[in-house]
């Protein structure tokens, strides 16, 4: 059999053994195996992680979260400011366009009107039309 199978068996056995050991210790209320060594190791580890725990408790997690929300708030505020300024510029452009359209419609001088006026001014008189028809028939 391969080494992976033996490692799996050993880790399974160790897991079951530790489960029953911790269960027995919780029932008795004290450490059964290597109590003094494990107690000394716990003290060393608690002293080592005490500063890190205090740092994380008072400075770490809440400050990072607060900083994230602060930055997010400012990004959203800047986006809102940009959107509002674009909206104001579009309103001004719309107002300006409306004034130009009203001005053009009130004066009555549009391109089509000027074309119609030119057509009336350059129109042939009835005599000229008749002379033109006779020329085209005679050609």
C-alpha atoms as a PDB file:
ATOM      1  CA  UNK A   1       0.000   0.000   0.000  1.00  0.00           C
ATOM      2  CA  UNK A   2       1.085   3.568  -0.566  1.00  0.00           C
ATOM      3  CA  UNK A   3       2.379   6.032   1.969  1.00  0.00           C
ATOM      4  CA  UNK A   4      -0.704   8.233   1.511  1.00  0.00           C
ATOM      5  CA  UNK A   5      -2.904   5.423   2.846  1.00  0.00           C
ATOM      6  CA  UNK A   6      -0.722   5.032   5.960  1.00  0.00           C
ATOM      7  CA  UNK A   7      -0.725   8.811   6.535  1.00  0.00           C
ATOM      8  CA  UNK A   8      -4.510   8.818   6.273  1.00  0.00           C
ATOM      9  CA  UNK A   9      -4.795   5.981   8.797  1.00  0.00           C
ATOM     10  CA  UNK A  10      -2.389   7.691  11.225  1.00  0.00           C
ATOM     11  CA  UNK A  11      -4.185  11.060  11.019  1.00  0.00           C
ATOM     12  CA  UNK A  12      -7.573   9.375  11.470  1.00  0.00           C
ATOM     13  CA  UNK A  13      -6.327   7.489  14.528  1.00  0.00           C
ATOM     14  CA  UNK A  14      -4.802  10.673  15.983  1.00  0.00           C
ATOM     15  CA  UNK A  15      -8.039  12.572  15.388  1.00  0.00           C
ATOM     16  CA  UNK A  16     -10.147   9.953  17.171  1.00  0.00           C
ATOM     17  CA  UNK A  17      -7.658   9.741  20.057  1.00  0.00           C
ATOM     18  CA  UNK A  18      -7.616  13.526  20.556  1.00  0.00           C
ATOM     19  CA  UNK A  19     -11.403  13.640  20.402  1.00  0.00           C
ATOM     20  CA  UNK A  20     -11.730  11.125  23.246  1.00  0.00           C
ATOM     21  CA  UNK A  21      -8.910  12.768  25.223  1.00  0.00           C
ATOM     22  CA  UNK A  22     -10.518  16.221  25.098  1.00  0.00           C
ATOM     23  CA  UNK A  23     -13.912  14.720  25.872  1.00  0.00           C
ATOM     24  CA  UNK A  24     -12.480  13.033  29.004  1.00  0.00           C
ATOM     25  CA  UNK A  25     -10.724  16.251  30.047  1.00  0.00           C
ATOM     26  CA  UNK A  26     -13.917  18.272  29.712  1.00  0.00           C
ATOM     27  CA  UNK A  27     -15.791  15.727  31.842  1.00  0.00           C
ATOM     28  CA  UNK A  28     -13.118  15.756  34.593  1.00  0.00           C
ATOM     29  CA  UNK A  29     -12.614  19.517  34.381  1.00  0.00           C
ATOM     30  CA  UNK A  30      -8.807  19.299  34.294  1.00  0.00           C
ATOM     31  CA  UNK A  31      -6.076  18.183  31.971  1.00  0.00           C
ATOM     32  CA  UNK A  32      -5.298  14.492  32.085  1.00  0.00           C
ATOM     33  CA  UNK A  33      -2.210  14.157  29.857  1.00  0.00           C
ATOM     34  CA  UNK A  34       0.820  16.479  30.314  1.00  0.00           C
ATOM     35  CA  UNK A  35      -1.183  19.007  32.314  1.00  0.00           C
ATOM     36  CA  UNK A  36       1.760  21.088  33.578  1.00  0.00           C
ATOM     37  CA  UNK A  37       3.520  21.214  30.187  1.00  0.00           C
ATOM     38  CA  UNK A  38       0.330  22.169  28.368  1.00  0.00           C
ATOM     39  CA  UNK A  39      -0.446  24.788  31.062  1.00  0.00           C
ATOM     40  CA  UNK A  40       2.997  26.374  30.679  1.00  0.00           C
ATOM     41  CA  UNK A  41       2.610  26.308  26.873  1.00  0.00           C
ATOM     42  CA  UNK A  42      -0.788  28.003  27.213  1.00  0.00           C
ATOM     43  CA  UNK A  43       0.732  30.776  29.360  1.00  0.00           C
ATOM     44  CA  UNK A  44       3.542  31.379  26.856  1.00  0.00           C
ATOM     45  CA  UNK A  45       1.117  31.496  23.951  1.00  0.00           C
ATOM     46  CA  UNK A  46      -1.317  33.787  25.761  1.00  0.00           C
ATOM     47  CA  UNK A  47       1.529  36.225  26.601  1.00  0.00           C
ATOM     48  CA  UNK A  48       2.728  36.119  23.017  1.00  0.00           C
ATOM     49  CA  UNK A  49      -0.695  36.762  21.497  1.00  0.00           C
ATOM     50  CA  UNK A  50      -1.886  39.225  24.180  1.00  0.00           C
ATOM     51  CA  UNK A  51      -0.453  42.252  22.371  1.00  0.00           C
ATOM     52  CA  UNK A  52      -1.770  41.051  19.042  1.00  0.00           C
ATOM     53  CA  UNK A  53      -5.199  40.446  20.517  1.00  0.00           C
ATOM     54  CA  UNK A  54      -5.336  43.933  22.031  1.00  0.00           C
ATOM     55  CA  UNK A  55      -4.145  45.467  18.757  1.00  0.00           C
ATOM     56  CA  UNK A  56      -6.779  43.595  16.798  1.00  0.00           C
ATOM     57  CA  UNK A  57      -9.497  44.323  19.353  1.00  0.00           C
ATOM     58  CA  UNK A  58      -8.982  48.075  19.654  1.00  0.00           C
ATOM     59  CA  UNK A  59      -7.279  49.042  16.413  1.00  0.00           C
ATOM     60  CA  UNK A  60      -7.576  46.237  13.935  1.00  0.00           C
ATOM     61  CA  UNK A  61     -10.912  44.979  12.767  1.00  0.00           C
ATOM     62  CA  UNK A  62     -13.167  47.914  13.528  1.00  0.00           C
ATOM     63  CA  UNK A  63     -10.698  50.489  12.206  1.00  0.00           C
ATOM     64  CA  UNK A  64     -10.242  48.678   8.932  1.00  0.00           C
ATOM     65  CA  UNK A  65     -13.997  48.359   8.547  1.00  0.00           C
ATOM     66  CA  UNK A  66     -14.464  52.014   9.470  1.00  0.00           C
ATOM     67  CA  UNK A  67     -11.791  53.045   6.957  1.00  0.00           C
ATOM     68  CA  UNK A  68     -13.479  50.956   4.263  1.00  0.00           C
ATOM     69  CA  UNK A  69     -16.844  52.615   4.907  1.00  0.00           C
ATOM     70  CA  UNK A  70     -15.220  56.059   5.049  1.00  0.00           C
ATOM     71  CA  UNK A  71     -13.515  55.558   1.670  1.00  0.00           C
ATOM     72  CA  UNK A  72     -16.669  54.063   0.183  1.00  0.00           C
ATOM     73  CA  UNK A  73     -18.685  57.042   1.436  1.00  0.00           C
ATOM     74  CA  UNK A  74     -16.299  59.479  -0.218  1.00  0.00           C
ATOM     75  CA  UNK A  75     -16.269  57.558  -3.499  1.00  0.00           C
ATOM     76  CA  UNK A  76     -20.068  57.549  -3.570  1.00  0.00           C
ATOM     77  CA  UNK A  77     -20.164  61.269  -2.695  1.00  0.00           C
ATOM     78  CA  UNK A  78     -17.702  62.096  -5.495  1.00  0.00           C
ATOM     79  CA  UNK A  79     -19.734  60.029  -7.962  1.00  0.00           C
ATOM     80  CA  UNK A  80     -22.906  61.815  -6.881  1.00  0.00           C
ATOM     81  CA  UNK A  81     -21.194  65.198  -7.310  1.00  0.00           C
ATOM     82  CA  UNK A  82     -20.085  64.294 -10.842  1.00  0.00           C
ATOM     83  CA  UNK A  83     -23.546  63.046 -11.780  1.00  0.00           C
ATOM     84  CA  UNK A  84     -25.134  66.200 -10.368  1.00  0.00           C
ATOM     85  CA  UNK A  85     -22.780  68.495 -12.290  1.00  0.00           C
ATOM     86  CA  UNK A  86     -23.459  66.609 -15.533  1.00  0.00           C
ATOM     87  CA  UNK A  87     -27.198  66.877 -14.853  1.00  0.00           C
ATOM     88  CA  UNK A  88     -26.913  70.645 -14.267  1.00  0.00           C
ATOM     89  CA  UNK A  89     -24.982  71.126 -17.512  1.00  0.00           C
ATOM     90  CA  UNK A  90     -27.562  69.109 -19.427  1.00  0.00           C
ATOM     91  CA  UNK A  91     -30.366  71.228 -17.921  1.00  0.00           C
ATOM     92  CA  UNK A  92     -28.597  74.430 -18.982  1.00  0.00           C
ATOM     93  CA  UNK A  93     -28.094  73.033 -22.476  1.00  0.00           C
ATOM     94  CA  UNK A  94     -31.760  72.034 -22.665  1.00  0.00           C
ATOM     95  CA  UNK A  95     -32.852  75.522 -21.534  1.00  0.00           C
ATOM     96  CA  UNK A  96     -30.545  77.154 -24.074  1.00  0.00           C
ATOM     97  CA  UNK A  97     -31.847  74.899 -26.840  1.00  0.00           C
ATOM     98  CA  UNK A  98     -35.456  75.662 -25.886  1.00  0.00           C
ATOM     99  CA  UNK A  99     -34.762  79.424 -26.050  1.00  0.00           C
ATOM    100  CA  UNK A 100     -33.216  79.058 -29.497  1.00  0.00           C
ATOM    101  CA  UNK A 101     -36.166  76.974 -30.719  1.00  0.00           C
ATOM    102  CA  UNK A 102     -38.671  79.541 -29.377  1.00  0.00           C
ATOM    103  CA  UNK A 103     -36.705  82.345 -30.972  1.00  0.00           C
ATOM    104  CA  UNK A 104     -36.684  80.646 -34.354  1.00  0.00           C
ATOM    105  CA  UNK A 105     -40.389  79.782 -34.229  1.00  0.00           C
ATOM    106  CA  UNK A 106     -41.389  83.286 -33.128  1.00  0.00           C
ATOM    107  CA  UNK A 107     -39.429  85.079 -35.844  1.00  0.00           C
ATOM    108  CA  UNK A 108     -40.852  82.757 -38.455  1.00  0.00           C
ATOM    109  CA  UNK A 109     -37.656  82.618 -40.452  1.00  0.00           C
ATOM    110  CA  UNK A 110     -36.848  79.025 -41.016  1.00  0.00           C
ATOM    111  CA  UNK A 111     -35.063  77.493 -43.959  1.00  0.00           C
ATOM    112  CA  UNK A 112     -38.285  76.184 -45.516  1.00  0.00           C
ATOM    113  CA  UNK A 113     -39.916  79.586 -45.256  1.00  0.00           C
ATOM    114  CA  UNK A 114     -36.953  81.224 -46.941  1.00  0.00           C
ATOM    115  CA  UNK A 115     -37.098  78.609 -49.727  1.00  0.00           C
ATOM    116  CA  UNK A 116     -40.842  79.297 -50.243  1.00  0.00           C
ATOM    117  CA  UNK A 117     -40.209  83.042 -50.269  1.00  0.00           C
ATOM    118  CA  UNK A 118     -37.441  82.627 -52.858  1.00  0.00           C
ATOM    119  CA  UNK A 119     -39.749  80.488 -54.986  1.00  0.00           C
ATOM    120  CA  UNK A 120     -42.420  83.185 -54.950  1.00  0.00           C
ATOM    121  CA  UNK A 121     -39.895  85.905 -55.786  1.00  0.00           C
ATOM    122  CA  UNK A 122     -38.392  84.038 -58.721  1.00  0.00           C
ATOM    123  CA  UNK A 123     -41.631  82.583 -60.058  1.00  0.00           C
ATOM    124  CA  UNK A 124     -42.410  83.220 -63.704  1.00  0.00           C
ATOM    125  CA  UNK A 125     -45.273  85.447 -64.620  1.00  0.00           C
ATOM    126  CA  UNK A 126     -48.157  83.900 -66.581  1.00  0.00           C
ATOM    127  CA  UNK A 127     -46.901  85.519 -69.821  1.00  0.00           C
ATOM    128  CA  UNK A 128     -43.392  84.129 -69.260  1.00  0.00           C
ATOM    129  CA  UNK A 129     -44.832  80.668 -68.586  1.00  0.00           C
ATOM    130  CA  UNK A 130     -46.832  80.781 -71.804  1.00  0.00           C
ATOM    131  CA  UNK A 131     -43.832  81.946 -73.824  1.00  0.00           C
ATOM    132  CA  UNK A 132     -41.722  79.192 -72.347  1.00  0.00           C
ATOM    133  CA  UNK A 133     -44.350  76.551 -73.229  1.00  0.00           C
ATOM    134  CA  UNK A 134     -44.497  77.786 -76.829  1.00  0.00           C
ATOM    135  CA  UNK A 135     -40.709  77.669 -77.148  1.00  0.00           C
ATOM    136  CA  UNK A 136     -40.558  74.131 -75.803  1.00  0.00           C
ATOM    137  CA  UNK A 137     -43.311  73.000 -78.189  1.00  0.00           C
ATOM    138  CA  UNK A 138     -41.642  74.613 -81.182  1.00  0.00           C
ATOM    139  CA  UNK A 139     -38.229  73.089 -80.545  1.00  0.00           C
END
